[in-house]
Amino acid sequence: MARQKLQNYLRTHRKRSGLSQKEVGFLLGCKSSAKVSRYERFSRQPTLKNVFAYELIFGTPARELFAGVFQCVEEETLHRVQLLSHKLQQAKLNQRAKRKLEFLHAITESSIKHDYHV
């Protein structure tokens, strides 16, 4: 089982960059550093727009900046992939169902490959 990751690594990347919370807030288009502080303390989730801005600012993919969030989403989604696969296997396997199962299998395989590279 994969070890539990922090919800995000924003503070780590900000510290490495040498930028202050106020400076990152400015780059995000925030009026103050308060939002940056809340993002770093996990007390607030950034908007999708800010997630992409963080990715651009730190040059790091969102799935790495928000590793813990990604890990949780991945686990929940893969569980639903398994449930849907099982449901499809119980039904009559026609060409359409086989294509769906292949697609779902590819999602699982992609996730496994990602886990080996992290």
C-alpha atoms as a PDB file:
ATOM      1  CA  MET A   1       0.000   0.000   0.000  1.00  0.00           C
ATOM      2  CA  ALA A   2       1.261   3.487  -0.845  1.00  0.00           C
ATOM      3  CA  ARG A   3       2.298   5.690   2.022  1.00  0.00           C
ATOM      4  CA  GLN A   4      -0.010   8.556   2.907  1.00  0.00           C
ATOM      5  CA  LYS A   5       1.042  11.816   1.264  1.00  0.00           C
ATOM      6  CA  LEU A   6       0.454  15.349   2.480  1.00  0.00           C
ATOM      7  CA  GLN A   7      -2.641  16.966   1.014  1.00  0.00           C
ATOM      8  CA  ASN A   8      -0.362  19.403  -0.831  1.00  0.00           C
ATOM      9  CA  TYR A   9       3.282  20.433  -1.031  1.00  0.00           C
ATOM     10  CA  LEU A  10       2.711  24.125  -1.682  1.00  0.00           C
ATOM     11  CA  ARG A  11       4.715  25.349   1.299  1.00  0.00           C
ATOM     12  CA  THR A  12       7.666  23.137   0.360  1.00  0.00           C
ATOM     13  CA  HIS A  13       7.753  24.478  -3.184  1.00  0.00           C
ATOM     14  CA  ARG A  14       7.240  28.075  -2.064  1.00  0.00           C
ATOM     15  CA  LYS A  15      10.104  27.822   0.418  1.00  0.00           C
ATOM     16  CA  ARG A  16      12.376  26.301  -2.250  1.00  0.00           C
ATOM     17  CA  SER A  17      11.515  29.153  -4.596  1.00  0.00           C
ATOM     18  CA  GLY A  18      12.382  31.774  -1.995  1.00  0.00           C
ATOM     19  CA  LEU A  19       9.056  33.538  -2.531  1.00  0.00           C
ATOM     20  CA  SER A  20       6.984  34.889   0.349  1.00  0.00           C
ATOM     21  CA  GLN A  21       3.312  34.068   0.799  1.00  0.00           C
ATOM     22  CA  LYS A  22       2.526  37.645  -0.202  1.00  0.00           C
ATOM     23  CA  GLU A  23       4.512  37.271  -3.432  1.00  0.00           C
ATOM     24  CA  VAL A  24       2.846  33.967  -4.310  1.00  0.00           C
ATOM     25  CA  GLY A  25      -0.510  35.561  -3.513  1.00  0.00           C
ATOM     26  CA  PHE A  26       0.292  38.364  -5.929  1.00  0.00           C
ATOM     27  CA  LEU A  27       1.200  35.842  -8.644  1.00  0.00           C
ATOM     28  CA  LEU A  28      -2.095  34.034  -8.006  1.00  0.00           C
ATOM     29  CA  GLY A  29      -4.000  37.307  -8.235  1.00  0.00           C
ATOM     30  CA  CYS A  30      -5.015  37.301  -4.560  1.00  0.00           C
ATOM     31  CA  LYS A  31      -5.475  40.529  -2.613  1.00  0.00           C
ATOM     32  CA  SER A  32      -3.481  39.245   0.361  1.00  0.00           C
ATOM     33  CA  SER A  33      -1.351  36.357   1.517  1.00  0.00           C
ATOM     34  CA  ALA A  34      -4.204  34.930   3.632  1.00  0.00           C
ATOM     35  CA  LYS A  35      -5.423  32.548   0.916  1.00  0.00           C
ATOM     36  CA  VAL A  36      -1.905  31.261   0.299  1.00  0.00           C
ATOM     37  CA  SER A  37      -1.543  30.590   4.014  1.00  0.00           C
ATOM     38  CA  ARG A  38      -4.870  28.733   4.110  1.00  0.00           C
ATOM     39  CA  TYR A  39      -3.905  26.669   1.043  1.00  0.00           C
ATOM     40  CA  GLU A  40      -0.580  25.741   2.634  1.00  0.00           C
ATOM     41  CA  ARG A  41      -2.242  24.764   5.928  1.00  0.00           C
ATOM     42  CA  PHE A  42      -4.832  22.615   4.088  1.00  0.00           C
ATOM     43  CA  SER A  43      -7.703  24.673   5.505  1.00  0.00           C
ATOM     44  CA  ARG A  44      -8.866  25.739   2.040  1.00  0.00           C
ATOM     45  CA  GLN A  45      -8.841  24.110  -1.403  1.00  0.00           C
ATOM     46  CA  PRO A  46      -7.608  26.330  -4.238  1.00  0.00           C
ATOM     47  CA  THR A  47      -9.759  26.877  -7.291  1.00  0.00           C
ATOM     48  CA  LEU A  48      -8.874  24.999 -10.453  1.00  0.00           C
ATOM     49  CA  LYS A  49      -7.564  28.289 -11.852  1.00  0.00           C
ATOM     50  CA  ASN A  50      -5.192  28.618  -8.885  1.00  0.00           C
ATOM     51  CA  VAL A  51      -4.121  24.975  -9.173  1.00  0.00           C
ATOM     52  CA  PHE A  52      -2.986  25.665 -12.733  1.00  0.00           C
ATOM     53  CA  ALA A  53      -1.316  28.899 -11.627  1.00  0.00           C
ATOM     54  CA  TYR A  54       0.621  26.993  -8.942  1.00  0.00           C
ATOM     55  CA  GLU A  55       1.674  24.450 -11.571  1.00  0.00           C
ATOM     56  CA  LEU A  56       2.988  27.259 -13.758  1.00  0.00           C
ATOM     57  CA  ILE A  57       4.677  29.159 -10.903  1.00  0.00           C
ATOM     58  CA  PHE A  58       6.542  26.169  -9.485  1.00  0.00           C
ATOM     59  CA  GLY A  59       6.991  24.223 -12.729  1.00  0.00           C
ATOM     60  CA  THR A  60       5.587  21.112 -11.070  1.00  0.00           C
ATOM     61  CA  PRO A  61       2.570  19.056 -12.206  1.00  0.00           C
ATOM     62  CA  ALA A  62      -0.575  19.584 -10.150  1.00  0.00           C
ATOM     63  CA  ARG A  63      -0.700  15.880  -9.257  1.00  0.00           C
ATOM     64  CA  GLU A  64       2.662  16.336  -7.477  1.00  0.00           C
ATOM     65  CA  LEU A  65       1.846  19.684  -5.850  1.00  0.00           C
ATOM     66  CA  PHE A  66      -1.420  18.233  -4.547  1.00  0.00           C
ATOM     67  CA  ALA A  67      -0.177  14.673  -4.079  1.00  0.00           C
ATOM     68  CA  GLY A  68      -2.414  13.804  -1.147  1.00  0.00           C
ATOM     69  CA  VAL A  69      -5.526  15.094  -2.878  1.00  0.00           C
ATOM     70  CA  PHE A  70      -4.532  13.214  -6.040  1.00  0.00           C
ATOM     71  CA  GLN A  71      -3.900  10.029  -4.053  1.00  0.00           C
ATOM     72  CA  CYS A  72      -7.364  10.210  -2.471  1.00  0.00           C
ATOM     73  CA  VAL A  73      -9.080  10.925  -5.801  1.00  0.00           C
ATOM     74  CA  GLU A  74      -7.131   8.107  -7.449  1.00  0.00           C
ATOM     75  CA  GLU A  75      -8.120   5.559  -4.788  1.00  0.00           C
ATOM     76  CA  GLU A  76     -11.787   6.559  -4.905  1.00  0.00           C
ATOM     77  CA  THR A  77     -11.904   6.569  -8.703  1.00  0.00           C
ATOM     78  CA  LEU A  78     -10.116   3.224  -9.043  1.00  0.00           C
ATOM     79  CA  HIS A  79     -12.602   1.720  -6.602  1.00  0.00           C
ATOM     80  CA  ARG A  80     -15.453   2.937  -8.823  1.00  0.00           C
ATOM     81  CA  VAL A  81     -13.615   1.589 -11.893  1.00  0.00           C
ATOM     82  CA  GLN A  82     -13.568  -1.834 -10.216  1.00  0.00           C
ATOM     83  CA  LEU A  83     -17.266  -1.607  -9.364  1.00  0.00           C
ATOM     84  CA  LEU A  84     -18.217  -0.643 -12.911  1.00  0.00           C
ATOM     85  CA  SER A  85     -15.975  -3.375 -14.367  1.00  0.00           C
ATOM     86  CA  HIS A  86     -17.640  -5.953 -12.148  1.00  0.00           C
ATOM     87  CA  LYS A  87     -21.082  -4.696 -13.156  1.00  0.00           C
ATOM     88  CA  LEU A  88     -20.195  -4.885 -16.865  1.00  0.00           C
ATOM     89  CA  GLN A  89     -18.791  -8.414 -16.477  1.00  0.00           C
ATOM     90  CA  GLN A  90     -22.088  -9.558 -14.960  1.00  0.00           C
ATOM     91  CA  ALA A  91     -23.975  -8.390 -18.043  1.00  0.00           C
ATOM     92  CA  LYS A  92     -23.948  -9.963 -21.472  1.00  0.00           C
ATOM     93  CA  LEU A  93     -20.540  -9.238 -23.012  1.00  0.00           C
ATOM     94  CA  ASN A  94     -21.182  -7.691 -26.405  1.00  0.00           C
ATOM     95  CA  GLN A  95     -18.643  -5.626 -28.391  1.00  0.00           C
ATOM     96  CA  ARG A  96     -19.630  -2.394 -26.675  1.00  0.00           C
ATOM     97  CA  ALA A  97     -19.223  -3.883 -23.194  1.00  0.00           C
ATOM     98  CA  LYS A  98     -15.863  -5.394 -24.176  1.00  0.00           C
ATOM     99  CA  ARG A  99     -14.629  -1.960 -25.329  1.00  0.00           C
ATOM    100  CA  LYS A 100     -15.747  -0.423 -22.054  1.00  0.00           C
ATOM    101  CA  LEU A 101     -13.936  -3.127 -20.075  1.00  0.00           C
ATOM    102  CA  GLU A 102     -10.765  -2.560 -22.111  1.00  0.00           C
ATOM    103  CA  PHE A 103     -11.002   1.168 -21.409  1.00  0.00           C
ATOM    104  CA  LEU A 104     -11.500   0.579 -17.684  1.00  0.00           C
ATOM    105  CA  HIS A 105      -8.595  -1.886 -17.663  1.00  0.00           C
ATOM    106  CA  ALA A 106      -6.393   0.776 -19.288  1.00  0.00           C
ATOM    107  CA  ILE A 107      -7.252   3.197 -16.465  1.00  0.00           C
ATOM    108  CA  THR A 108      -6.143   0.642 -13.892  1.00  0.00           C
ATOM    109  CA  GLU A 109      -2.952  -0.177 -15.805  1.00  0.00           C
ATOM    110  CA  SER A 110      -2.083   3.500 -16.174  1.00  0.00           C
ATOM    111  CA  SER A 111      -2.453   3.975 -12.431  1.00  0.00           C
ATOM    112  CA  ILE A 112      -0.225   0.976 -11.687  1.00  0.00           C
ATOM    113  CA  LYS A 113       2.490   2.291 -14.015  1.00  0.00           C
ATOM    114  CA  HIS A 114       2.295   5.696 -12.323  1.00  0.00           C
ATOM    115  CA  ASP A 115       2.734   4.117  -8.881  1.00  0.00           C
ATOM    116  CA  TYR A 116       5.977   2.431  -9.988  1.00  0.00           C
ATOM    117  CA  HIS A 117       7.434   5.715 -11.265  1.00  0.00           C
ATOM    118  CA  VAL A 118       6.699   7.826  -8.167  1.00  0.00           C
END
